[in-house]
Amino acid sequence: MRTEFSIHQLADPHIAEAESILRKCVHCGFCTATCPTYVTLGNELDSPRGRIYLIKDMFENGRPADKEVVTHIDRCLSCLACMTTCPSGVDYMHLVDRARAHIHSTYRRPLPDRLIRMMLAFVLPYRGRFRASLTLAKLGRPFASLFDAVSPLKPLAAMLRIAPSSIPNRSSFTEPGNHPASGEKHGRVAIHTGCAQPVLQPATNEAAIRLLNRFGIEVVVAEGEGCCGALVHHMGREEDALDAARRNVDVWTHQIGDGGLDAIIITASGCGTTVKDYGHMLRLDPAYADKAAKVSALAKDITEYLATLALPAPANKTGLTVTYHSACSMQHGQKITVLPKTLLEAAGFSVKSPAEGHICCGSAGTYNIMQPEIATQLRDRKVRNIEATKPDIIAAGNIGCITQIAQGTDIPIVHTIELLDWAHGGPKPDGAPHAPASTALLWRVPT
């Protein structure tokens, strides 16, 4: 793509990066076939190619974002399916991130939109606030239909409907501390507990820590770690996201110097994509560039790390059929496609993949709140494809996907690590069907 930026504009490293990304686009349109919003809405401006044109025009002319640009950028899920499809290697992720930051700094949204976004940024990244908000949501749920009747307040209705009817108790596994290896120690890792997941589904990190300990890995929950910054990052709140990144980089750098780390384990793939990008996000900060790059290099999805270990045969053969939902942040953001299914199969599960597995479920951070109509269409499409495989249970590697898909089906859905923990001697995940009697094995301690 030909660009016409001035020398003065290119002196800005952010614009220079955007220009280098734009120049790689050859207008081929392959991205439109896998873009969820284009497939759903059929509007060229709701495709990556269309958004690239809007972003190029906005940046080249050095103008503030306008309503048209904001409408179509807001509809982008950042699922990154376009990057998997693109034959030219267009770095759409960093381009749309830059556009969102520009929107946040130059466009004044309508008051209801501003207030809802401010509330989400104030609540979601903080466990205590998030837990309190879920308690309040129980009281507000009966009023969801009233909010639905007022278009600017539809996100509030979506928020109330997504909120769970019950909240799990706080888990001691989210508290700072060391979880020693069982038996001989073979490694030491830190685990990122995150913000929403410990509140909505603490069983995920509990299962990860149990399983790693069982395999001889010491697990550290570092004091001070918290939200990865993804939620505010995708809302264009760049400084908030960078502050979150710096905090976690400092915390994990301390752990690297105090006993060393083989990896930083992440059990929410949305967080994993962001932590692996810390090196890029903080590349212009001389005090953090090197540290952030080291943290990003150590970040691994739990399935990536397990694949480096010599895992024993499963202790419990469940005999269950699992349909694996590959989160966009896993398959497109981190390019992890085979490992989770391979681990599940090795653990004795019969694994199926749904049709259109590359299409987003509609969760995408706060997308199912801010764009509820599109998100619901994508969720229902995803659920139809999953249910067609007739699984006993659904597995996924991202809390957002798990929450979103659970809204549309009665088939139980759990994190992949919970099934692996169960197969290797851990407890049965809540909601999972019992293993058929003919396939159950006595529990044994792996050696």
Protein backbone atom coordinates (compact mmCIF):
# COMPACT_ATOMS: atom_id res chain seq x y z
CA MET A 1 0.00 0.00 0.00
CA ARG A 2 1.35 3.40 -0.95
CA THR A 3 1.57 5.88 1.91
CA GLU A 4 2.07 9.66 1.98
CA PHE A 5 3.36 10.53 5.42
CA SER A 6 5.55 13.59 5.86
CA ILE A 7 9.06 13.44 7.30
CA HIS A 8 7.73 15.34 10.30
CA GLN A 9 5.02 12.73 10.87
CA LEU A 10 7.49 9.86 10.57
CA ALA A 11 9.59 11.40 13.34
CA ASP A 12 6.90 10.05 15.69
CA PRO A 13 7.89 6.41 16.34
CA HIS A 14 4.24 5.37 16.63
CA ILE A 15 3.40 6.85 13.23
CA ALA A 16 6.57 5.38 11.75
CA GLU A 17 5.52 1.94 12.96
CA ALA A 18 2.00 2.40 11.60
CA GLU A 19 3.42 3.47 8.23
CA SER A 20 5.61 0.37 7.99
CA ILE A 21 2.59 -1.82 8.75
CA LEU A 22 0.36 -0.05 6.23
CA ARG A 23 2.94 -0.45 3.45
CA LYS A 24 2.74 -4.24 3.74
CA CYS A 25 -0.97 -4.39 2.88
CA VAL A 26 -1.51 -5.34 -0.79
CA HIS A 27 -5.32 -5.01 -0.81
CA CYS A 28 -5.73 -8.74 -1.54
CA GLY A 29 -8.84 -9.12 0.62
CA PHE A 30 -7.96 -12.59 1.95
CA CYS A 31 -8.62 -11.20 5.43
CA THR A 32 -12.29 -10.59 4.67
CA ALA A 33 -13.03 -14.32 4.47
CA THR A 34 -12.01 -14.93 8.09
CA CYS A 35 -13.04 -11.65 9.71
CA PRO A 36 -16.00 -12.32 12.04
CA THR A 37 -17.53 -8.86 11.65
CA TYR A 38 -17.29 -8.85 7.87
CA VAL A 39 -18.73 -12.37 7.69
CA THR A 40 -21.56 -11.28 10.00
CA LEU A 41 -22.29 -7.76 8.70
CA GLY A 42 -21.04 -7.85 5.10
CA ASN A 43 -19.72 -4.28 5.29
CA GLU A 44 -16.28 -3.65 3.75
CA LEU A 45 -15.53 -1.09 6.45
CA ASP A 46 -16.09 -3.83 9.03
CA SER A 47 -13.28 -5.89 7.53
CA PRO A 48 -9.56 -5.53 8.30
CA ARG A 49 -8.94 -4.13 4.82
CA GLY A 50 -11.66 -1.51 5.28
CA ARG A 51 -10.41 -0.54 8.72
CA ILE A 52 -6.87 -0.27 7.37
CA TYR A 53 -8.09 2.30 4.81
CA LEU A 54 -9.83 4.29 7.56
CA ILE A 55 -6.76 4.21 9.80
CA LYS A 56 -4.44 5.19 6.95
CA ASP A 57 -6.60 8.18 6.02
CA MET A 58 -6.86 9.30 9.64
CA PHE A 59 -3.12 9.05 10.34
CA GLU A 60 -1.92 10.48 7.02
CA ASN A 61 -4.10 13.54 7.43
CA GLY A 62 -3.17 13.92 11.08
CA ARG A 63 -6.77 14.37 12.07
CA PRO A 64 -8.77 13.37 15.13
CA ALA A 65 -10.94 10.28 14.95
CA ASP A 66 -14.50 10.83 13.78
CA LYS A 67 -17.73 8.92 14.30
CA GLU A 68 -17.29 6.72 11.22
CA VAL A 69 -13.80 5.62 12.18
CA VAL A 70 -14.84 4.98 15.78
CA THR A 71 -17.90 2.96 14.74
CA HIS A 72 -15.92 0.52 12.62
CA ILE A 73 -12.86 0.26 14.88
CA ASP A 74 -15.14 -0.36 17.87
CA ARG A 75 -16.69 -3.27 15.97
CA CYS A 76 -13.29 -4.95 15.59
CA LEU A 77 -12.89 -7.86 18.01
CA SER A 78 -9.08 -7.89 17.77
CA CYS A 79 -9.47 -11.63 17.20
CA LEU A 80 -6.46 -11.45 14.83
CA ALA A 81 -7.85 -14.06 12.44
CA CYS A 82 -6.83 -11.65 9.69
CA MET A 83 -3.18 -11.99 10.71
CA THR A 84 -3.38 -15.76 10.40
CA THR A 85 -4.87 -15.39 6.92
CA CYS A 86 -2.75 -12.48 5.62
CA PRO A 87 -0.15 -13.62 3.06
CA SER A 88 1.77 -10.34 3.39
CA GLY A 89 2.40 -10.40 7.13
CA VAL A 90 0.45 -7.23 7.94
CA ASP A 91 0.78 -6.57 11.68
CA TYR A 92 -2.85 -5.61 12.12
CA MET A 93 -2.72 -6.11 15.90
CA HIS A 94 -0.34 -3.24 16.53
CA LEU A 95 -1.99 -1.06 13.90
CA VAL A 96 -5.45 -1.31 15.44
CA ASP A 97 -3.95 -0.87 18.92
CA ARG A 98 -2.45 2.42 17.75
CA ALA A 99 -5.78 3.46 16.22
CA ARG A 100 -7.57 2.77 19.48
CA ALA A 101 -5.08 4.85 21.44
CA HIS A 102 -5.57 7.68 18.92
CA ILE A 103 -9.35 7.40 19.28
CA HIS A 104 -9.10 7.54 23.06
CA SER A 105 -7.00 10.72 22.95
CA THR A 106 -8.81 12.58 20.15
CA TYR A 107 -12.47 11.55 20.11
CA ARG A 108 -15.11 12.61 22.64
CA ARG A 109 -17.60 9.78 22.94
CA PRO A 110 -21.25 10.31 23.91
CA LEU A 111 -21.65 10.61 27.67
CA PRO A 112 -23.24 7.16 28.32
CA ASP A 113 -20.47 5.47 26.32
CA ARG A 114 -17.78 7.39 28.21
CA LEU A 115 -19.26 6.54 31.58
CA ILE A 116 -19.64 2.83 30.82
CA ARG A 117 -16.05 2.62 29.56
CA MET A 118 -14.76 4.48 32.60
CA MET A 119 -16.66 2.09 34.85
CA LEU A 120 -15.26 -0.98 33.09
CA ALA A 121 -11.72 0.38 33.34
CA PHE A 122 -12.24 1.21 37.02
CA VAL A 123 -13.73 -2.17 37.97
CA LEU A 124 -12.61 -5.07 35.78
CA PRO A 125 -8.82 -4.98 36.32
CA TYR A 126 -9.21 -5.08 40.11
CA ARG A 127 -10.32 -8.31 41.79
CA GLY A 128 -11.92 -6.71 44.83
CA ARG A 129 -13.91 -4.18 42.82
CA PHE A 130 -14.89 -6.83 40.29
CA ARG A 131 -16.16 -9.18 43.00
CA ALA A 132 -18.17 -6.37 44.56
CA SER A 133 -19.65 -5.42 41.19
CA LEU A 134 -20.80 -8.99 40.58
CA THR A 135 -22.60 -8.92 43.92
CA LEU A 136 -24.37 -5.71 42.88
CA ALA A 137 -25.18 -7.22 39.49
CA LYS A 138 -27.44 -9.77 41.19
CA LEU A 139 -29.59 -6.90 42.40
CA GLY A 140 -29.59 -5.19 39.01
CA ARG A 141 -30.32 -8.22 36.81
CA PRO A 142 -34.15 -7.79 36.95
CA PHE A 143 -33.71 -4.36 35.34
CA ALA A 144 -31.74 -5.62 32.32
CA SER A 145 -34.75 -5.44 30.01
CA LEU A 146 -35.25 -1.78 30.93
CA PHE A 147 -31.67 -0.95 29.93
CA ASP A 148 -32.17 -2.91 26.71
CA ALA A 149 -34.96 -0.54 25.71
CA VAL A 150 -32.55 2.43 25.67
CA SER A 151 -29.92 1.95 22.96
CA PRO A 152 -26.99 3.71 24.71
CA LEU A 153 -27.63 1.58 27.82
CA LYS A 154 -27.62 -1.81 26.07
CA PRO A 155 -24.08 -2.50 27.34
CA LEU A 156 -25.40 -2.31 30.90
CA ALA A 157 -28.05 -4.91 30.06
CA ALA A 158 -25.39 -7.15 28.53
CA MET A 159 -23.19 -6.70 31.58
CA LEU A 160 -25.98 -7.77 33.92
CA ARG A 161 -26.83 -10.84 31.84
CA ILE A 162 -23.23 -12.00 31.61
CA ALA A 163 -22.68 -11.71 35.37
CA PRO A 164 -22.88 -15.15 37.04
CA SER A 165 -25.72 -15.96 39.40
CA SER A 166 -23.24 -17.17 42.00
CA ILE A 167 -19.63 -16.24 42.71
CA PRO A 168 -17.05 -18.83 43.82
CA ASN A 169 -15.42 -18.34 47.18
CA ARG A 170 -12.01 -16.69 47.30
CA SER A 171 -9.20 -19.15 46.72
CA SER A 172 -6.02 -19.33 48.78
CA PHE A 173 -4.22 -20.20 45.54
CA THR A 174 -4.54 -16.57 44.42
CA GLU A 175 -2.72 -15.29 47.49
CA PRO A 176 1.00 -14.48 47.21
CA GLY A 177 3.25 -17.36 48.19
CA ASN A 178 5.19 -20.41 47.09
CA HIS A 179 3.63 -23.76 46.23
CA PRO A 180 6.42 -26.32 46.57
CA ALA A 181 6.97 -29.22 44.22
CA SER A 182 5.81 -32.65 45.29
CA GLY A 183 8.86 -34.85 45.61
CA GLU A 184 11.97 -34.01 43.60
CA LYS A 185 12.00 -30.46 42.27
CA HIS A 186 12.46 -30.14 38.51
CA GLY A 187 11.76 -26.45 37.96
CA ARG A 188 10.45 -23.14 39.24
CA VAL A 189 7.83 -20.94 37.59
CA ALA A 190 5.68 -17.94 38.40
CA ILE A 191 1.98 -18.07 37.59
CA HIS A 192 -0.04 -15.07 36.48
CA THR A 193 -3.29 -15.18 38.43
CA GLY A 194 -4.83 -12.18 36.65
CA CYS A 195 -7.92 -10.16 37.52
CA ALA A 196 -11.22 -11.60 36.29
CA GLN A 197 -10.33 -15.28 36.25
CA PRO A 198 -9.55 -15.64 40.00
CA VAL A 199 -13.00 -14.20 40.71
CA LEU A 200 -15.03 -16.03 38.06
CA GLN A 201 -13.19 -19.34 37.98
CA PRO A 202 -10.49 -19.78 40.65
CA ALA A 203 -10.51 -23.53 39.92
CA THR A 204 -8.40 -22.89 36.82
CA ASN A 205 -5.28 -21.68 38.60
CA GLU A 206 -5.86 -24.16 41.41
CA ALA A 207 -5.74 -26.98 38.86
CA ALA A 208 -2.65 -25.53 37.16
CA ILE A 209 -0.74 -25.21 40.43
CA ARG A 210 -1.74 -28.71 41.62
CA LEU A 211 -0.72 -30.27 38.34
CA LEU A 212 2.62 -28.47 38.14
CA ASN A 213 3.42 -29.32 41.76
CA ARG A 214 2.59 -32.96 41.06
CA PHE A 215 5.09 -32.93 38.20
CA GLY A 216 7.87 -31.51 40.40
CA ILE A 217 7.49 -27.82 39.57
CA GLU A 218 7.58 -25.14 42.26
CA VAL A 219 5.00 -22.44 41.54
CA VAL A 220 5.27 -18.87 42.78
CA VAL A 221 2.35 -16.48 43.08
CA ALA A 222 4.33 -13.24 43.16
CA GLU A 223 3.20 -10.45 45.45
CA GLY A 224 2.02 -7.43 43.50
CA GLU A 225 1.19 -9.07 40.17
CA GLY A 226 -2.22 -8.27 38.78
CA CYS A 227 -4.17 -7.49 35.64
CA CYS A 228 -2.04 -7.87 32.52
CA GLY A 229 -3.48 -4.65 31.09
CA ALA A 230 -5.30 -6.25 28.14
CA LEU A 231 -8.75 -4.97 29.07
CA VAL A 232 -7.73 -1.31 29.13
CA HIS A 233 -5.25 -1.77 26.29
CA HIS A 234 -8.02 -2.77 23.89
CA MET A 235 -10.10 0.19 25.05
CA GLY A 236 -7.31 2.52 23.89
CA ARG A 237 -6.28 3.49 27.42
CA GLU A 238 -2.59 3.20 26.59
CA GLU A 239 -1.09 4.70 29.74
CA ASP A 240 -3.23 2.51 31.98
CA ALA A 241 -2.11 -0.57 30.03
CA LEU A 242 1.55 0.43 30.21
CA ASP A 243 1.28 1.03 33.96
CA ALA A 244 -0.12 -2.50 34.39
CA ALA A 245 2.69 -3.90 32.25
CA ARG A 246 5.39 -2.06 34.21
CA ARG A 247 3.98 -3.31 37.51
CA ASN A 248 4.04 -6.93 36.39
CA VAL A 249 7.46 -6.57 34.79
CA ASP A 250 8.86 -5.25 38.09
CA VAL A 251 7.25 -8.06 40.07
CA TRP A 252 8.46 -10.86 37.81
CA THR A 253 11.92 -9.32 37.34
CA HIS A 254 12.30 -9.50 41.11
CA GLN A 255 11.38 -13.18 41.03
CA ILE A 256 13.86 -13.81 38.20
CA GLY A 257 16.60 -12.37 40.41
CA ASP A 258 15.39 -14.17 43.53
CA GLY A 259 15.67 -17.84 42.67
CA GLY A 260 15.21 -17.68 38.93
CA LEU A 261 12.24 -18.61 36.77
CA ASP A 262 11.96 -21.21 34.04
CA ALA A 263 8.77 -19.61 32.79
CA ILE A 264 5.92 -17.25 33.60
CA ILE A 265 2.82 -19.43 33.29
CA ILE A 266 -0.40 -17.92 32.00
CA THR A 267 -3.72 -19.76 32.03
CA ALA A 268 -5.84 -17.13 30.24
CA SER A 269 -4.79 -16.90 26.61
CA GLY A 270 -6.02 -13.31 26.31
CA CYS A 271 -3.55 -12.36 29.04
CA GLY A 272 -0.88 -14.50 27.42
CA THR A 273 -1.06 -12.60 24.14
CA THR A 274 -0.63 -9.32 26.01
CA VAL A 275 2.20 -10.41 28.34
CA LYS A 276 4.07 -11.83 25.36
CA ASP A 277 3.72 -8.35 23.83
CA TYR A 278 5.18 -6.46 26.81
CA GLY A 279 8.51 -6.23 25.01
CA HIS A 280 6.82 -4.36 22.18
CA MET A 281 4.54 -2.27 24.36
CA LEU A 282 7.48 -0.98 26.44
CA ARG A 283 10.09 -0.87 23.68
CA LEU A 284 10.27 2.95 23.83
CA ASP A 285 10.73 3.06 27.62
CA PRO A 286 14.49 2.93 28.30
CA ALA A 287 13.93 1.90 31.90
CA TYR A 288 11.76 -1.09 30.97
CA ALA A 289 12.54 -2.14 27.39
CA ASP A 290 15.09 -4.84 28.27
CA LYS A 291 13.23 -6.08 31.35
CA ALA A 292 9.95 -6.27 29.45
CA ALA A 293 11.58 -8.21 26.61
CA LYS A 294 12.92 -10.77 29.12
CA VAL A 295 9.50 -11.15 30.72
CA SER A 296 7.84 -11.62 27.34
CA ALA A 297 10.41 -14.27 26.42
CA LEU A 298 9.59 -16.21 29.60
CA ALA A 299 5.80 -16.00 29.19
CA LYS A 300 4.21 -19.32 28.24
CA ASP A 301 0.69 -20.62 28.04
CA ILE A 302 0.23 -23.47 30.50
CA THR A 303 -0.06 -25.94 27.61
CA GLU A 304 3.22 -24.70 26.11
CA TYR A 305 5.03 -25.36 29.35
CA LEU A 306 3.45 -28.75 29.96
CA ALA A 307 4.59 -29.80 26.49
CA THR A 308 8.21 -29.32 27.65
CA LEU A 309 7.76 -31.79 30.53
CA ALA A 310 7.92 -35.58 30.40
CA LEU A 311 4.35 -36.25 31.48
CA PRO A 312 3.42 -39.67 32.85
CA ALA A 313 0.50 -41.73 31.67
CA PRO A 314 -2.87 -40.47 32.97
CA ALA A 315 -3.97 -41.71 36.38
CA ASN A 316 -7.68 -41.43 35.59
CA LYS A 317 -9.05 -42.49 32.21
CA THR A 318 -12.27 -40.54 31.82
CA GLY A 319 -13.51 -41.89 28.50
CA LEU A 320 -15.08 -38.51 27.72
CA THR A 321 -15.45 -36.81 24.37
CA VAL A 322 -14.14 -33.24 24.51
CA THR A 323 -14.70 -30.54 21.91
CA TYR A 324 -11.83 -28.13 22.10
CA HIS A 325 -12.59 -24.46 21.45
CA SER A 326 -9.43 -22.66 20.39
CA ALA A 327 -9.58 -19.09 21.69
CA CYS A 328 -8.63 -16.43 19.15
CA SER A 329 -5.89 -15.17 21.44
CA MET A 330 -4.52 -18.73 21.53
CA GLN A 331 -4.63 -19.70 17.86
CA HIS A 332 -4.26 -16.30 16.19
CA GLY A 333 -2.52 -14.26 18.89
CA GLN A 334 -0.04 -16.87 20.17
CA LYS A 335 -0.14 -19.34 17.24
CA ILE A 336 -0.80 -22.26 19.59
CA THR A 337 -3.09 -24.60 17.71
CA VAL A 338 -2.10 -28.24 18.26
CA LEU A 339 -0.63 -28.49 21.77
CA PRO A 340 -3.85 -28.31 23.83
CA LYS A 341 -5.52 -31.01 21.74
CA THR A 342 -2.40 -33.18 21.82
CA LEU A 343 -2.23 -32.95 25.62
CA LEU A 344 -5.92 -33.80 25.99
CA GLU A 345 -5.58 -36.81 23.70
CA ALA A 346 -2.49 -38.02 25.59
CA ALA A 347 -4.52 -37.71 28.79
CA GLY A 348 -7.11 -40.12 27.40
CA PHE A 349 -9.80 -37.80 26.08
CA SER A 350 -11.39 -38.18 22.66
CA VAL A 351 -10.94 -34.71 21.17
CA LYS A 352 -13.07 -33.07 18.51
CA SER A 353 -12.76 -29.71 16.75
CA PRO A 354 -15.82 -27.68 15.71
CA ALA A 355 -16.42 -26.30 12.24
CA GLU A 356 -15.38 -22.68 11.71
CA GLY A 357 -12.95 -22.96 14.60
CA HIS A 358 -11.16 -19.83 13.38
CA ILE A 359 -14.25 -17.65 13.97
CA CYS A 360 -14.43 -15.75 17.27
CA CYS A 361 -17.03 -16.63 19.90
CA GLY A 362 -17.74 -12.92 20.48
CA SER A 363 -16.22 -12.53 23.93
CA ALA A 364 -13.08 -10.49 23.10
CA GLY A 365 -12.46 -8.80 26.44
CA THR A 366 -15.26 -6.27 26.92
CA TYR A 367 -16.66 -6.74 23.39
CA ASN A 368 -19.63 -8.82 24.54
CA ILE A 369 -20.56 -5.89 26.77
CA MET A 370 -19.91 -3.01 24.38
CA GLN A 371 -21.16 -4.73 21.19
CA PRO A 372 -23.78 -7.15 22.55
CA GLU A 373 -25.77 -7.69 19.33
CA ILE A 374 -22.77 -8.78 17.25
CA ALA A 375 -21.32 -10.74 20.17
CA THR A 376 -24.56 -12.68 20.60
CA GLN A 377 -24.69 -13.57 16.89
CA LEU A 378 -21.11 -14.85 17.06
CA ARG A 379 -21.76 -16.77 20.27
CA ASP A 380 -24.79 -18.52 18.82
CA ARG A 381 -22.86 -19.40 15.66
CA LYS A 382 -20.03 -20.82 17.78
CA VAL A 383 -22.39 -22.80 19.99
CA ARG A 384 -24.17 -24.34 16.98
CA ASN A 385 -20.86 -25.57 15.62
CA ILE A 386 -19.75 -26.93 18.98
CA GLU A 387 -23.04 -28.68 19.72
CA ALA A 388 -22.95 -30.33 16.28
CA THR A 389 -19.91 -32.33 17.47
CA LYS A 390 -22.01 -33.80 20.33
CA PRO A 391 -19.36 -33.60 23.06
CA ASP A 392 -19.65 -34.65 26.70
CA ILE A 393 -17.79 -31.48 27.66
CA ILE A 394 -16.15 -28.42 26.09
CA ALA A 395 -12.58 -27.32 26.82
CA ALA A 396 -11.09 -23.88 26.23
CA GLY A 397 -8.03 -21.96 27.36
CA ASN A 398 -9.48 -18.52 28.04
CA ILE A 399 -11.86 -17.35 30.75
CA GLY A 400 -13.62 -14.89 28.43
CA CYS A 401 -14.50 -17.64 25.95
CA ILE A 402 -15.61 -19.97 28.73
CA THR A 403 -17.94 -17.32 30.15
CA GLN A 404 -19.30 -16.36 26.72
CA ILE A 405 -19.95 -19.88 25.41
CA ALA A 406 -21.52 -21.00 28.70
CA GLN A 407 -24.21 -18.37 28.16
CA GLY A 408 -25.44 -20.20 25.06
CA THR A 409 -25.28 -23.92 25.86
CA ASP A 410 -26.05 -26.43 28.58
CA ILE A 411 -22.99 -28.51 27.72
CA PRO A 412 -20.45 -28.01 30.54
CA ILE A 413 -17.38 -26.00 29.60
CA VAL A 414 -14.16 -25.90 31.61
CA HIS A 415 -10.58 -24.84 31.20
CA THR A 416 -8.29 -27.34 29.46
CA ILE A 417 -6.02 -27.47 32.52
CA GLU A 418 -8.88 -28.65 34.73
CA LEU A 419 -9.38 -31.69 32.50
CA LEU A 420 -5.64 -32.41 32.44
CA ASP A 421 -5.44 -32.12 36.22
CA TRP A 422 -8.38 -34.51 36.57
CA ALA A 423 -6.80 -37.04 34.21
CA HIS A 424 -3.54 -36.87 36.15
CA GLY A 425 -5.03 -37.52 39.58
CA GLY A 426 -6.78 -34.26 40.47
CA PRO A 427 -10.44 -33.72 41.34
CA LYS A 428 -13.24 -33.86 38.80
CA PRO A 429 -14.06 -30.35 37.54
CA ASP A 430 -17.39 -28.92 38.66
CA GLY A 431 -20.08 -29.73 36.13
CA ALA A 432 -18.06 -32.38 34.32
CA PRO A 433 -19.86 -35.68 33.72
CA HIS A 434 -18.52 -38.73 35.51
CA ALA A 435 -16.23 -41.08 33.66
CA PRO A 436 -17.97 -44.22 32.39
CA ALA A 437 -17.49 -47.05 34.86
CA SER A 438 -15.84 -49.25 32.22
CA THR A 439 -13.02 -46.76 31.65
CA ALA A 440 -12.33 -45.56 35.19
CA LEU A 441 -8.92 -46.41 36.64
CA LEU A 442 -7.76 -46.31 40.23
CA TRP A 443 -5.92 -43.13 41.10
CA ARG A 444 -2.19 -43.47 41.39
CA VAL A 445 0.60 -41.00 42.10
CA PRO A 446 2.53 -40.35 38.87
CA THR A 447 6.19 -41.26 38.99
